[in-house]
Amino acid sequence: MDGDFGTALRRLRKQAGLTQEALADRSGLSVEGISALERGQRRHPRADTVDLLAAGLRLGPDERRTLVESAARALPSRAAQRSRVPRQLPARGPSFTGRETELALVTGLLARPEHRDSPVLVAIVGMGGLGKTTLAVQAASSVVDDYPDGQLYLDLRGHDTRAPLTALRGLTFLIGALGGDAGEVPDDVDQAAAIFRSLVSGSRLLIVLDNAADAAQVEPMLPASPGCAVVITSRRSLAGIVDAHHVPLDVLPVHESRRLLGRLVGDERLAQDPRAAAELARACGGLPLALRIVGSRLAARPTWPLDFLASR
């Protein structure tokens, strides 16, 4: 009996007289995914992947048992599985307010990845300060159970004072986070992207690419596995990314600005001076970032009258 899953799969495929391409066609899996399994780059195939391979190889009961047992031996302990799965999403903000429609749209697009035949790409776009990252993290955190193979988060620094992250550096980070050898990532972006796609093939993985400069920066980091999803935030339209669902953000209306400010400093405090509260909300221009800055200042100085800050 073969000692590991990749060896067992390779032996059974060759015994069936199939190339990796032919097995991919029969099983519905990708060539990259089969290659990664045979090389041991992916050591822990899911049960449904093993079933698809067994069906594609047209295995008899004994050979199917061999393949299933090899896969079972490859599985780490439950504790080891939990420790290896990347969980990189930032914490959700406690005062998420005013984006219920957009949140429902994004979470609806991300939900039920097992029923998709292609990866889903969501681009949240709008000017700085609108809360794009907050919405992306809120939506991603709501569907983590649909993505058992992990959640990755990467700030691409597209509009940072520092230089934007290159696609190659982004791929190196993602490959390392998935258990690959970041020190062995080739300098060629296309080759690095191929390694990344092989690592995520057959996975249900959720990736948040925050603060993207443009489509060219993001494209090499997009997975091909249908069980994967990517949420991208950017100040620019990413129309160059084929099949991306664009979710544009605008400023908050006045009543939502007032509601967010109330969640940050307390409705009772705002009720003490409604005029100053309305002026603060108006002065922030419907920008969640500005409202949070004002709210944090007021929360840190509970004795400040609202009109003192409003007048400034």
C-alpha atoms as a PDB file:
ATOM      1  CA  MET A   1       0.000   0.000   0.000  1.00  0.00           C
ATOM      2  CA  ASP A   2       1.320   3.454  -0.880  1.00  0.00           C
ATOM      3  CA  GLY A   3       2.710   5.496   1.950  1.00  0.00           C
ATOM      4  CA  ASP A   4       1.158   8.869   1.077  1.00  0.00           C
ATOM      5  CA  PHE A   5      -1.776  10.202  -0.875  1.00  0.00           C
ATOM      6  CA  GLY A   6       0.243  11.792  -3.694  1.00  0.00           C
ATOM      7  CA  THR A   7       2.115   8.553  -4.382  1.00  0.00           C
ATOM      8  CA  ALA A   8      -1.101   6.535  -4.311  1.00  0.00           C
ATOM      9  CA  LEU A   9      -2.849   8.955  -6.671  1.00  0.00           C
ATOM     10  CA  ARG A  10       0.046   8.978  -9.143  1.00  0.00           C
ATOM     11  CA  ARG A  11       0.250   5.176  -9.166  1.00  0.00           C
ATOM     12  CA  LEU A  12      -3.485   4.734  -9.727  1.00  0.00           C
ATOM     13  CA  ARG A  13      -3.560   7.401 -12.456  1.00  0.00           C
ATOM     14  CA  LYS A  14      -0.700   5.780 -14.361  1.00  0.00           C
ATOM     15  CA  GLN A  15      -2.255   2.369 -13.845  1.00  0.00           C
ATOM     16  CA  ALA A  16      -5.419   3.718 -15.485  1.00  0.00           C
ATOM     17  CA  GLY A  17      -3.346   5.033 -18.406  1.00  0.00           C
ATOM     18  CA  LEU A  18      -4.389   8.641 -17.807  1.00  0.00           C
ATOM     19  CA  THR A  19      -2.501  11.899 -18.013  1.00  0.00           C
ATOM     20  CA  GLN A  20      -3.191  14.574 -15.429  1.00  0.00           C
ATOM     21  CA  GLU A  21      -5.148  16.448 -18.088  1.00  0.00           C
ATOM     22  CA  ALA A  22      -7.314  13.400 -18.845  1.00  0.00           C
ATOM     23  CA  LEU A  23      -8.005  12.803 -15.145  1.00  0.00           C
ATOM     24  CA  ALA A  24      -8.888  16.478 -14.708  1.00  0.00           C
ATOM     25  CA  ASP A  25     -11.377  16.178 -17.578  1.00  0.00           C
ATOM     26  CA  ARG A  26     -12.952  13.055 -16.088  1.00  0.00           C
ATOM     27  CA  SER A  27     -13.082  14.234 -12.487  1.00  0.00           C
ATOM     28  CA  GLY A  28     -13.972  17.893 -12.967  1.00  0.00           C
ATOM     29  CA  LEU A  29     -10.927  18.985 -10.956  1.00  0.00           C
ATOM     30  CA  SER A  30      -8.185  21.270 -12.242  1.00  0.00           C
ATOM     31  CA  VAL A  31      -4.885  20.020 -13.647  1.00  0.00           C
ATOM     32  CA  GLU A  32      -3.091  22.325 -11.199  1.00  0.00           C
ATOM     33  CA  GLY A  33      -4.971  20.778  -8.281  1.00  0.00           C
ATOM     34  CA  ILE A  34      -4.164  17.204  -9.323  1.00  0.00           C
ATOM     35  CA  SER A  35      -0.532  18.124  -9.896  1.00  0.00           C
ATOM     36  CA  ALA A  36      -0.318  19.761  -6.443  1.00  0.00           C
ATOM     37  CA  LEU A  37      -1.757  16.619  -4.823  1.00  0.00           C
ATOM     38  CA  GLU A  38       0.637  14.271  -6.610  1.00  0.00           C
ATOM     39  CA  ARG A  39       3.663  16.424  -5.715  1.00  0.00           C
ATOM     40  CA  GLY A  40       2.593  16.591  -2.091  1.00  0.00           C
ATOM     41  CA  GLN A  41       2.140  20.350  -2.310  1.00  0.00           C
ATOM     42  CA  ARG A  42      -1.425  19.783  -1.100  1.00  0.00           C
ATOM     43  CA  ARG A  43      -1.314  17.028   1.469  1.00  0.00           C
ATOM     44  CA  HIS A  44      -4.823  17.107   2.894  1.00  0.00           C
ATOM     45  CA  PRO A  45      -7.484  16.523   0.182  1.00  0.00           C
ATOM     46  CA  ARG A  46     -11.109  16.929   1.196  1.00  0.00           C
ATOM     47  CA  ALA A  47     -13.454  13.938   1.088  1.00  0.00           C
ATOM     48  CA  ASP A  48     -15.368  15.268  -1.919  1.00  0.00           C
ATOM     49  CA  THR A  49     -12.081  15.724  -3.826  1.00  0.00           C
ATOM     50  CA  VAL A  50     -11.134  12.089  -3.107  1.00  0.00           C
ATOM     51  CA  ASP A  51     -14.573  10.959  -4.321  1.00  0.00           C
ATOM     52  CA  LEU A  52     -14.204  12.917  -7.569  1.00  0.00           C
ATOM     53  CA  LEU A  53     -10.750  11.440  -8.168  1.00  0.00           C
ATOM     54  CA  ALA A  54     -11.971   7.906  -7.466  1.00  0.00           C
ATOM     55  CA  ALA A  55     -14.848   8.371  -9.906  1.00  0.00           C
ATOM     56  CA  GLY A  56     -12.532   9.826 -12.555  1.00  0.00           C
ATOM     57  CA  LEU A  57     -10.130   6.909 -12.154  1.00  0.00           C
ATOM     58  CA  ARG A  58     -13.080   4.456 -12.219  1.00  0.00           C
ATOM     59  CA  LEU A  59     -11.663   2.595  -9.264  1.00  0.00           C
ATOM     60  CA  GLY A  60     -12.944  -0.695  -7.990  1.00  0.00           C
ATOM     61  CA  PRO A  61     -13.789  -1.160  -4.269  1.00  0.00           C
ATOM     62  CA  ASP A  62     -10.269  -2.209  -3.219  1.00  0.00           C
ATOM     63  CA  GLU A  63      -8.475   0.559  -5.087  1.00  0.00           C
ATOM     64  CA  ARG A  64     -10.983   3.145  -3.846  1.00  0.00           C
ATOM     65  CA  ARG A  65     -10.308   1.962  -0.302  1.00  0.00           C
ATOM     66  CA  THR A  66      -6.569   2.385  -0.879  1.00  0.00           C
ATOM     67  CA  LEU A  67      -7.051   5.973  -2.025  1.00  0.00           C
ATOM     68  CA  VAL A  68      -9.435   6.834   0.821  1.00  0.00           C
ATOM     69  CA  GLU A  69      -7.104   5.320   3.422  1.00  0.00           C
ATOM     70  CA  SER A  70      -4.155   7.269   2.001  1.00  0.00           C
ATOM     71  CA  ALA A  71      -6.169  10.469   2.292  1.00  0.00           C
ATOM     72  CA  ALA A  72      -7.179   9.609   5.870  1.00  0.00           C
ATOM     73  CA  ARG A  73      -3.554   9.062   6.878  1.00  0.00           C
ATOM     74  CA  ALA A  74      -2.679  12.446   5.391  1.00  0.00           C
ATOM     75  CA  LEU A  75      -5.130  14.300   7.613  1.00  0.00           C
ATOM     76  CA  PRO A  76      -3.554  16.095  10.570  1.00  0.00           C
ATOM     77  CA  SER A  77      -5.146  16.020  14.001  1.00  0.00           C
ATOM     78  CA  ARG A  78      -8.140  18.274  14.594  1.00  0.00           C
ATOM     79  CA  ALA A  79      -6.016  20.576  16.749  1.00  0.00           C
ATOM     80  CA  ALA A  80      -3.320  20.753  14.057  1.00  0.00           C
ATOM     81  CA  GLN A  81      -5.946  21.535  11.418  1.00  0.00           C
ATOM     82  CA  ARG A  82      -7.238  24.463  13.470  1.00  0.00           C
ATOM     83  CA  SER A  83      -3.729  25.809  14.002  1.00  0.00           C
ATOM     84  CA  ARG A  84      -2.786  25.635  10.301  1.00  0.00           C
ATOM     85  CA  VAL A  85      -5.881  27.249   8.814  1.00  0.00           C
ATOM     86  CA  PRO A  86      -5.181  30.980   8.278  1.00  0.00           C
ATOM     87  CA  ARG A  87      -7.630  33.284  10.065  1.00  0.00           C
ATOM     88  CA  GLN A  88      -6.304  36.724   9.161  1.00  0.00           C
ATOM     89  CA  LEU A  89      -9.380  38.937   9.070  1.00  0.00           C
ATOM     90  CA  PRO A  90      -9.146  42.044  11.269  1.00  0.00           C
ATOM     91  CA  ALA A  91     -11.669  42.397  14.077  1.00  0.00           C
ATOM     92  CA  ARG A  92     -15.088  43.692  13.170  1.00  0.00           C
ATOM     93  CA  GLY A  93     -15.818  47.237  14.298  1.00  0.00           C
ATOM     94  CA  PRO A  94     -18.404  47.388  17.109  1.00  0.00           C
ATOM     95  CA  SER A  95     -20.278  50.361  15.628  1.00  0.00           C
ATOM     96  CA  PHE A  96     -20.981  49.248  12.053  1.00  0.00           C
ATOM     97  CA  THR A  97     -23.801  51.493  10.859  1.00  0.00           C
ATOM     98  CA  GLY A  98     -25.590  52.545   7.703  1.00  0.00           C
ATOM     99  CA  ARG A  99     -24.477  50.007   5.112  1.00  0.00           C
ATOM    100  CA  GLU A 100     -27.166  47.368   5.579  1.00  0.00           C
ATOM    101  CA  THR A 101     -28.116  47.234   1.887  1.00  0.00           C
ATOM    102  CA  GLU A 102     -24.518  46.937   0.702  1.00  0.00           C
ATOM    103  CA  LEU A 103     -23.726  44.401   3.432  1.00  0.00           C
ATOM    104  CA  ALA A 104     -26.635  42.201   2.366  1.00  0.00           C
ATOM    105  CA  LEU A 105     -25.491  42.414  -1.256  1.00  0.00           C
ATOM    106  CA  VAL A 106     -21.876  41.460  -0.517  1.00  0.00           C
ATOM    107  CA  THR A 107     -22.698  38.634   1.895  1.00  0.00           C
ATOM    108  CA  GLY A 108     -25.233  37.285  -0.592  1.00  0.00           C
ATOM    109  CA  LEU A 109     -22.557  37.146  -3.287  1.00  0.00           C
ATOM    110  CA  LEU A 110     -20.091  35.413  -0.948  1.00  0.00           C
ATOM    111  CA  ALA A 111     -22.480  32.840   0.483  1.00  0.00           C
ATOM    112  CA  ARG A 112     -22.706  29.132  -0.448  1.00  0.00           C
ATOM    113  CA  PRO A 113     -19.430  28.716  -2.372  1.00  0.00           C
ATOM    114  CA  GLU A 114     -20.043  24.964  -2.716  1.00  0.00           C
ATOM    115  CA  HIS A 115     -22.743  25.712  -5.285  1.00  0.00           C
ATOM    116  CA  ARG A 116     -20.600  27.880  -7.580  1.00  0.00           C
ATOM    117  CA  ASP A 117     -18.791  26.873 -10.755  1.00  0.00           C
ATOM    118  CA  SER A 118     -16.406  29.858 -10.706  1.00  0.00           C
ATOM    119  CA  PRO A 119     -14.790  32.023  -8.014  1.00  0.00           C
ATOM    120  CA  VAL A 120     -16.685  35.132  -6.945  1.00  0.00           C
ATOM    121  CA  LEU A 121     -14.976  38.537  -7.062  1.00  0.00           C
ATOM    122  CA  VAL A 122     -16.473  41.535  -5.277  1.00  0.00           C
ATOM    123  CA  ALA A 123     -15.020  45.047  -5.693  1.00  0.00           C
ATOM    124  CA  ILE A 124     -16.083  47.660  -3.124  1.00  0.00           C
ATOM    125  CA  VAL A 125     -15.182  51.036  -4.611  1.00  0.00           C
ATOM    126  CA  GLY A 126     -15.414  54.664  -3.549  1.00  0.00           C
ATOM    127  CA  MET A 127     -13.353  57.601  -2.343  1.00  0.00           C
ATOM    128  CA  GLY A 128     -11.269  57.503   0.828  1.00  0.00           C
ATOM    129  CA  GLY A 129     -13.029  57.605   4.192  1.00  0.00           C
ATOM    130  CA  LEU A 130     -16.261  55.896   3.108  1.00  0.00           C
ATOM    131  CA  GLY A 131     -15.709  52.751   5.146  1.00  0.00           C
ATOM    132  CA  LYS A 132     -14.818  50.316   2.354  1.00  0.00           C
ATOM    133  CA  THR A 133     -12.516  48.260   4.571  1.00  0.00           C
ATOM    134  CA  THR A 134     -15.071  48.204   7.387  1.00  0.00           C
ATOM    135  CA  LEU A 135     -17.729  46.868   5.012  1.00  0.00           C
ATOM    136  CA  ALA A 136     -15.362  44.291   3.507  1.00  0.00           C
ATOM    137  CA  VAL A 137     -14.321  42.947   6.926  1.00  0.00           C
ATOM    138  CA  GLN A 138     -17.908  42.953   8.197  1.00  0.00           C
ATOM    139  CA  ALA A 139     -19.114  40.969   5.187  1.00  0.00           C
ATOM    140  CA  ALA A 140     -16.187  38.550   5.196  1.00  0.00           C
ATOM    141  CA  SER A 141     -16.563  37.899   8.923  1.00  0.00           C
ATOM    142  CA  SER A 142     -20.225  37.049   8.396  1.00  0.00           C
ATOM    143  CA  VAL A 143     -19.470  34.116   6.072  1.00  0.00           C
ATOM    144  CA  VAL A 144     -16.324  32.561   7.601  1.00  0.00           C
ATOM    145  CA  ASP A 145     -18.109  29.248   8.176  1.00  0.00           C
ATOM    146  CA  ASP A 146     -18.602  28.923   4.409  1.00  0.00           C
ATOM    147  CA  TYR A 147     -14.815  29.034   3.907  1.00  0.00           C
ATOM    148  CA  PRO A 148     -13.311  26.298   6.116  1.00  0.00           C
ATOM    149  CA  ASP A 149      -9.911  26.425   4.384  1.00  0.00           C
ATOM    150  CA  GLY A 150      -9.241  29.884   5.768  1.00  0.00           C
ATOM    151  CA  GLN A 151      -9.489  33.622   5.337  1.00  0.00           C
ATOM    152  CA  LEU A 152      -6.587  35.787   4.165  1.00  0.00           C
ATOM    153  CA  TYR A 153      -6.226  39.549   4.506  1.00  0.00           C
ATOM    154  CA  LEU A 154      -3.679  41.718   2.716  1.00  0.00           C
ATOM    155  CA  ASP A 155      -3.329  45.520   2.612  1.00  0.00           C
ATOM    156  CA  LEU A 156      -2.054  46.319  -0.869  1.00  0.00           C
ATOM    157  CA  ARG A 157      -1.269  49.938   0.122  1.00  0.00           C
ATOM    158  CA  GLY A 158      -2.544  51.168  -3.227  1.00  0.00           C
ATOM    159  CA  HIS A 159      -3.205  54.691  -1.965  1.00  0.00           C
ATOM    160  CA  ASP A 160      -0.819  54.731   0.971  1.00  0.00           C
ATOM    161  CA  THR A 161       1.974  57.250   1.451  1.00  0.00           C
ATOM    162  CA  ARG A 162       4.290  54.255   1.140  1.00  0.00           C
ATOM    163  CA  ALA A 163       4.777  52.589  -2.232  1.00  0.00           C
ATOM    164  CA  PRO A 164       1.987  50.185  -3.235  1.00  0.00           C
ATOM    165  CA  LEU A 165       2.706  46.510  -2.681  1.00  0.00           C
ATOM    166  CA  THR A 166       3.870  44.824  -5.877  1.00  0.00           C
ATOM    167  CA  ALA A 167       1.923  41.827  -7.166  1.00  0.00           C
ATOM    168  CA  LEU A 168       4.978  39.635  -6.576  1.00  0.00           C
ATOM    169  CA  ARG A 169       5.278  40.674  -2.922  1.00  0.00           C
ATOM    170  CA  GLY A 170       1.572  40.132  -2.466  1.00  0.00           C
ATOM    171  CA  LEU A 171       1.813  36.635  -3.954  1.00  0.00           C
ATOM    172  CA  THR A 172       4.798  35.834  -1.738  1.00  0.00           C
ATOM    173  CA  PHE A 173       2.770  36.776   1.337  1.00  0.00           C
ATOM    174  CA  LEU A 174      -0.260  34.735   0.239  1.00  0.00           C
ATOM    175  CA  ILE A 175       1.836  31.669  -0.615  1.00  0.00           C
ATOM    176  CA  GLY A 176       3.579  31.822   2.751  1.00  0.00           C
ATOM    177  CA  ALA A 177       0.281  32.240   4.596  1.00  0.00           C
ATOM    178  CA  LEU A 178      -1.022  29.090   2.908  1.00  0.00           C
ATOM    179  CA  GLY A 179       1.924  27.014   4.064  1.00  0.00           C
ATOM    180  CA  GLY A 180       4.073  27.357   0.958  1.00  0.00           C
ATOM    181  CA  ASP A 181       7.751  28.195   1.054  1.00  0.00           C
ATOM    182  CA  ALA A 182       7.858  31.978   0.645  1.00  0.00           C
ATOM    183  CA  GLY A 183      11.638  31.782   0.189  1.00  0.00           C
ATOM    184  CA  GLU A 184      11.236  29.659  -2.919  1.00  0.00           C
ATOM    185  CA  VAL A 185       8.758  31.914  -4.752  1.00  0.00           C
ATOM    186  CA  PRO A 186      10.187  32.692  -8.223  1.00  0.00           C
ATOM    187  CA  ASP A 187      10.844  36.269  -9.296  1.00  0.00           C
ATOM    188  CA  ASP A 188       8.529  35.863 -12.283  1.00  0.00           C
ATOM    189  CA  VAL A 189       5.002  37.053 -11.417  1.00  0.00           C
ATOM    190  CA  ASP A 190       3.286  34.565 -13.740  1.00  0.00           C
ATOM    191  CA  GLN A 191       5.160  31.628 -12.217  1.00  0.00           C
ATOM    192  CA  ALA A 192       4.406  32.843  -8.692  1.00  0.00           C
ATOM    193  CA  ALA A 193       0.725  33.230  -9.611  1.00  0.00           C
ATOM    194  CA  ALA A 194       0.667  29.645 -10.928  1.00  0.00           C
ATOM    195  CA  ILE A 195       2.068  28.372  -7.609  1.00  0.00           C
ATOM    196  CA  PHE A 196      -0.581  30.355  -5.743  1.00  0.00           C
ATOM    197  CA  ARG A 197      -3.394  28.934  -7.895  1.00  0.00           C
ATOM    198  CA  SER A 198      -2.069  25.416  -7.316  1.00  0.00           C
ATOM    199  CA  LEU A 199      -2.049  25.953  -3.549  1.00  0.00           C
ATOM    200  CA  VAL A 200      -5.664  27.091  -3.450  1.00  0.00           C
ATOM    201  CA  SER A 201      -6.997  24.636  -6.043  1.00  0.00           C
ATOM    202  CA  GLY A 202      -9.940  22.721  -4.654  1.00  0.00           C
ATOM    203  CA  SER A 203     -10.091  24.943  -1.564  1.00  0.00           C
ATOM    204  CA  ARG A 204     -12.853  27.084  -0.132  1.00  0.00           C
ATOM    205  CA  LEU A 205     -10.841  30.147   0.753  1.00  0.00           C
ATOM    206  CA  LEU A 206     -11.867  33.776   1.304  1.00  0.00           C
ATOM    207  CA  ILE A 207      -9.381  36.552   0.507  1.00  0.00           C
ATOM    208  CA  VAL A 208      -9.698  40.263   1.294  1.00  0.00           C
ATOM    209  CA  LEU A 209      -7.396  42.435  -0.826  1.00  0.00           C
ATOM    210  CA  ASP A 210      -7.659  45.854   0.766  1.00  0.00           C
ATOM    211  CA  ASN A 211      -6.720  49.221  -0.702  1.00  0.00           C
ATOM    212  CA  ALA A 212      -5.934  48.091  -4.252  1.00  0.00           C
ATOM    213  CA  ALA A 213      -4.277  50.568  -6.605  1.00  0.00           C
ATOM    214  CA  ASP A 214      -5.759  49.157  -9.803  1.00  0.00           C
ATOM    215  CA  ALA A 215      -6.765  45.962 -11.592  1.00  0.00           C
ATOM    216  CA  ALA A 216      -3.208  45.174 -12.731  1.00  0.00           C
ATOM    217  CA  GLN A 217      -2.015  44.981  -9.119  1.00  0.00           C
ATOM    218  CA  VAL A 218      -4.789  42.566  -8.148  1.00  0.00           C
ATOM    219  CA  GLU A 219      -5.142  40.222 -11.138  1.00  0.00           C
ATOM    220  CA  PRO A 220      -2.172  37.900 -10.375  1.00  0.00           C
ATOM    221  CA  MET A 221      -3.593  37.282  -6.878  1.00  0.00           C
ATOM    222  CA  LEU A 222      -6.979  36.024  -8.061  1.00  0.00           C
ATOM    223  CA  PRO A 223      -7.610  32.293  -7.502  1.00  0.00           C
ATOM    224  CA  ALA A 224      -9.182  30.028 -10.119  1.00  0.00           C
ATOM    225  CA  SER A 225     -10.867  27.576  -7.743  1.00  0.00           C
ATOM    226  CA  PRO A 226     -14.682  27.949  -7.812  1.00  0.00           C
ATOM    227  CA  GLY A 227     -14.862  27.563  -4.043  1.00  0.00           C
ATOM    228  CA  CYS A 228     -12.797  30.707  -3.475  1.00  0.00           C
ATOM    229  CA  ALA A 229     -13.924  34.304  -3.125  1.00  0.00           C
ATOM    230  CA  VAL A 230     -12.093  37.625  -3.183  1.00  0.00           C
ATOM    231  CA  VAL A 231     -13.284  40.937  -1.753  1.00  0.00           C
ATOM    232  CA  ILE A 232     -11.315  43.901  -3.104  1.00  0.00           C
ATOM    233  CA  THR A 233     -11.488  47.491  -1.909  1.00  0.00           C
ATOM    234  CA  SER A 234     -10.245  50.377  -4.032  1.00  0.00           C
ATOM    235  CA  ARG A 235     -10.732  54.059  -4.688  1.00  0.00           C
ATOM    236  CA  ARG A 236     -10.785  53.329  -8.408  1.00  0.00           C
ATOM    237  CA  SER A 237     -13.144  51.284 -10.533  1.00  0.00           C
ATOM    238  CA  LEU A 238     -11.691  47.853 -11.266  1.00  0.00           C
ATOM    239  CA  ALA A 239     -13.473  47.419 -14.563  1.00  0.00           C
ATOM    240  CA  GLY A 240     -10.459  45.557 -15.950  1.00  0.00           C
ATOM    241  CA  ILE A 241     -11.239  42.561 -13.728  1.00  0.00           C
ATOM    242  CA  VAL A 242     -13.589  40.322 -15.687  1.00  0.00           C
ATOM    243  CA  ASP A 243     -16.800  39.234 -13.906  1.00  0.00           C
ATOM    244  CA  ALA A 244     -16.156  41.315 -10.781  1.00  0.00           C
ATOM    245  CA  HIS A 245     -19.297  42.490  -8.976  1.00  0.00           C
ATOM    246  CA  HIS A 246     -18.847  46.201  -8.271  1.00  0.00           C
ATOM    247  CA  VAL A 247     -20.398  47.636  -5.115  1.00  0.00           C
ATOM    248  CA  PRO A 248     -20.048  51.445  -5.160  1.00  0.00           C
ATOM    249  CA  LEU A 249     -20.184  53.331  -1.851  1.00  0.00           C
ATOM    250  CA  ASP A 250     -21.423  56.874  -1.337  1.00  0.00           C
ATOM    251  CA  VAL A 251     -21.456  59.168   1.681  1.00  0.00           C
ATOM    252  CA  LEU A 252     -23.870  58.346   4.490  1.00  0.00           C
ATOM    253  CA  PRO A 253     -27.162  60.251   4.550  1.00  0.00           C
ATOM    254  CA  VAL A 254     -27.643  62.690   7.417  1.00  0.00           C
ATOM    255  CA  HIS A 255     -29.811  60.383   9.556  1.00  0.00           C
ATOM    256  CA  GLU A 256     -27.257  57.544   9.258  1.00  0.00           C
ATOM    257  CA  SER A 257     -24.429  59.949  10.126  1.00  0.00           C
ATOM    258  CA  ARG A 258     -26.357  60.962  13.233  1.00  0.00           C
ATOM    259  CA  ARG A 259     -26.994  57.298  14.099  1.00  0.00           C
ATOM    260  CA  LEU A 260     -23.302  56.388  13.755  1.00  0.00           C
ATOM    261  CA  LEU A 261     -22.285  59.342  15.922  1.00  0.00           C
ATOM    262  CA  GLY A 262     -24.815  58.214  18.522  1.00  0.00           C
ATOM    263  CA  ARG A 263     -23.363  54.721  18.598  1.00  0.00           C
ATOM    264  CA  LEU A 264     -19.900  56.173  19.131  1.00  0.00           C
ATOM    265  CA  VAL A 265     -20.649  58.681  21.905  1.00  0.00           C
ATOM    266  CA  GLY A 266     -24.111  57.698  23.160  1.00  0.00           C
ATOM    267  CA  ASP A 267     -27.544  58.918  22.092  1.00  0.00           C
ATOM    268  CA  GLU A 268     -28.097  60.503  25.513  1.00  0.00           C
ATOM    269  CA  ARG A 269     -25.154  62.829  25.024  1.00  0.00           C
ATOM    270  CA  LEU A 270     -26.306  63.861  21.555  1.00  0.00           C
ATOM    271  CA  ALA A 271     -29.810  64.509  22.898  1.00  0.00           C
ATOM    272  CA  GLN A 272     -28.392  67.127  25.272  1.00  0.00           C
ATOM    273  CA  ASP A 273     -27.611  69.413  22.313  1.00  0.00           C
ATOM    274  CA  PRO A 274     -29.427  68.286  19.114  1.00  0.00           C
ATOM    275  CA  ARG A 275     -28.350  71.367  17.177  1.00  0.00           C
ATOM    276  CA  ALA A 276     -24.642  70.794  17.836  1.00  0.00           C
ATOM    277  CA  ALA A 277     -25.063  67.083  17.115  1.00  0.00           C
ATOM    278  CA  ALA A 278     -26.626  67.895  13.744  1.00  0.00           C
ATOM    279  CA  GLU A 279     -23.825  70.355  12.999  1.00  0.00           C
ATOM    280  CA  LEU A 280     -21.157  67.748  13.810  1.00  0.00           C
ATOM    281  CA  ALA A 281     -22.840  65.189  11.553  1.00  0.00           C
ATOM    282  CA  ARG A 282     -23.119  67.755   8.748  1.00  0.00           C
ATOM    283  CA  ALA A 283     -19.508  68.910   9.104  1.00  0.00           C
ATOM    284  CA  CYS A 284     -18.281  65.331   8.670  1.00  0.00           C
ATOM    285  CA  GLY A 285     -19.807  65.248   5.191  1.00  0.00           C
ATOM    286  CA  GLY A 286     -21.261  61.764   5.549  1.00  0.00           C
ATOM    287  CA  LEU A 287     -17.783  60.206   5.762  1.00  0.00           C
ATOM    288  CA  PRO A 288     -17.660  57.345   8.312  1.00  0.00           C
ATOM    289  CA  LEU A 289     -13.937  57.930   8.869  1.00  0.00           C
ATOM    290  CA  ALA A 290     -14.510  61.575   9.818  1.00  0.00           C
ATOM    291  CA  LEU A 291     -17.439  60.618  12.043  1.00  0.00           C
ATOM    292  CA  ARG A 292     -15.307  58.019  13.838  1.00  0.00           C
ATOM    293  CA  ILE A 293     -12.532  60.575  14.422  1.00  0.00           C
ATOM    294  CA  VAL A 294     -15.024  63.049  15.890  1.00  0.00           C
ATOM    295  CA  GLY A 295     -16.695  60.297  17.906  1.00  0.00           C
ATOM    296  CA  SER A 296     -13.397  59.082  19.353  1.00  0.00           C
ATOM    297  CA  ARG A 297     -12.477  62.625  20.420  1.00  0.00           C
ATOM    298  CA  LEU A 298     -15.796  63.114  22.166  1.00  0.00           C
ATOM    299  CA  ALA A 299     -15.656  59.680  23.799  1.00  0.00           C
ATOM    300  CA  ALA A 300     -12.199  60.431  25.155  1.00  0.00           C
ATOM    301  CA  ARG A 301     -13.425  63.784  26.597  1.00  0.00           C
ATOM    302  CA  PRO A 302     -16.794  63.139  28.222  1.00  0.00           C
ATOM    303  CA  THR A 303     -16.920  66.645  29.735  1.00  0.00           C
ATOM    304  CA  TRP A 304     -16.641  68.457  26.388  1.00  0.00           C
ATOM    305  CA  PRO A 305     -19.885  70.149  25.309  1.00  0.00           C
ATOM    306  CA  LEU A 306     -20.850  69.165  21.771  1.00  0.00           C
ATOM    307  CA  ASP A 307     -20.994  72.758  20.620  1.00  0.00           C
ATOM    308  CA  PHE A 308     -17.333  73.250  21.625  1.00  0.00           C
ATOM    309  CA  LEU A 309     -16.190  70.692  19.050  1.00  0.00           C
ATOM    310  CA  ALA A 310     -18.857  71.731  16.543  1.00  0.00           C
ATOM    311  CA  SER A 311     -17.612  75.314  16.636  1.00  0.00           C
ATOM    312  CA  ARG A 312     -14.100  74.138  15.783  1.00  0.00           C
END
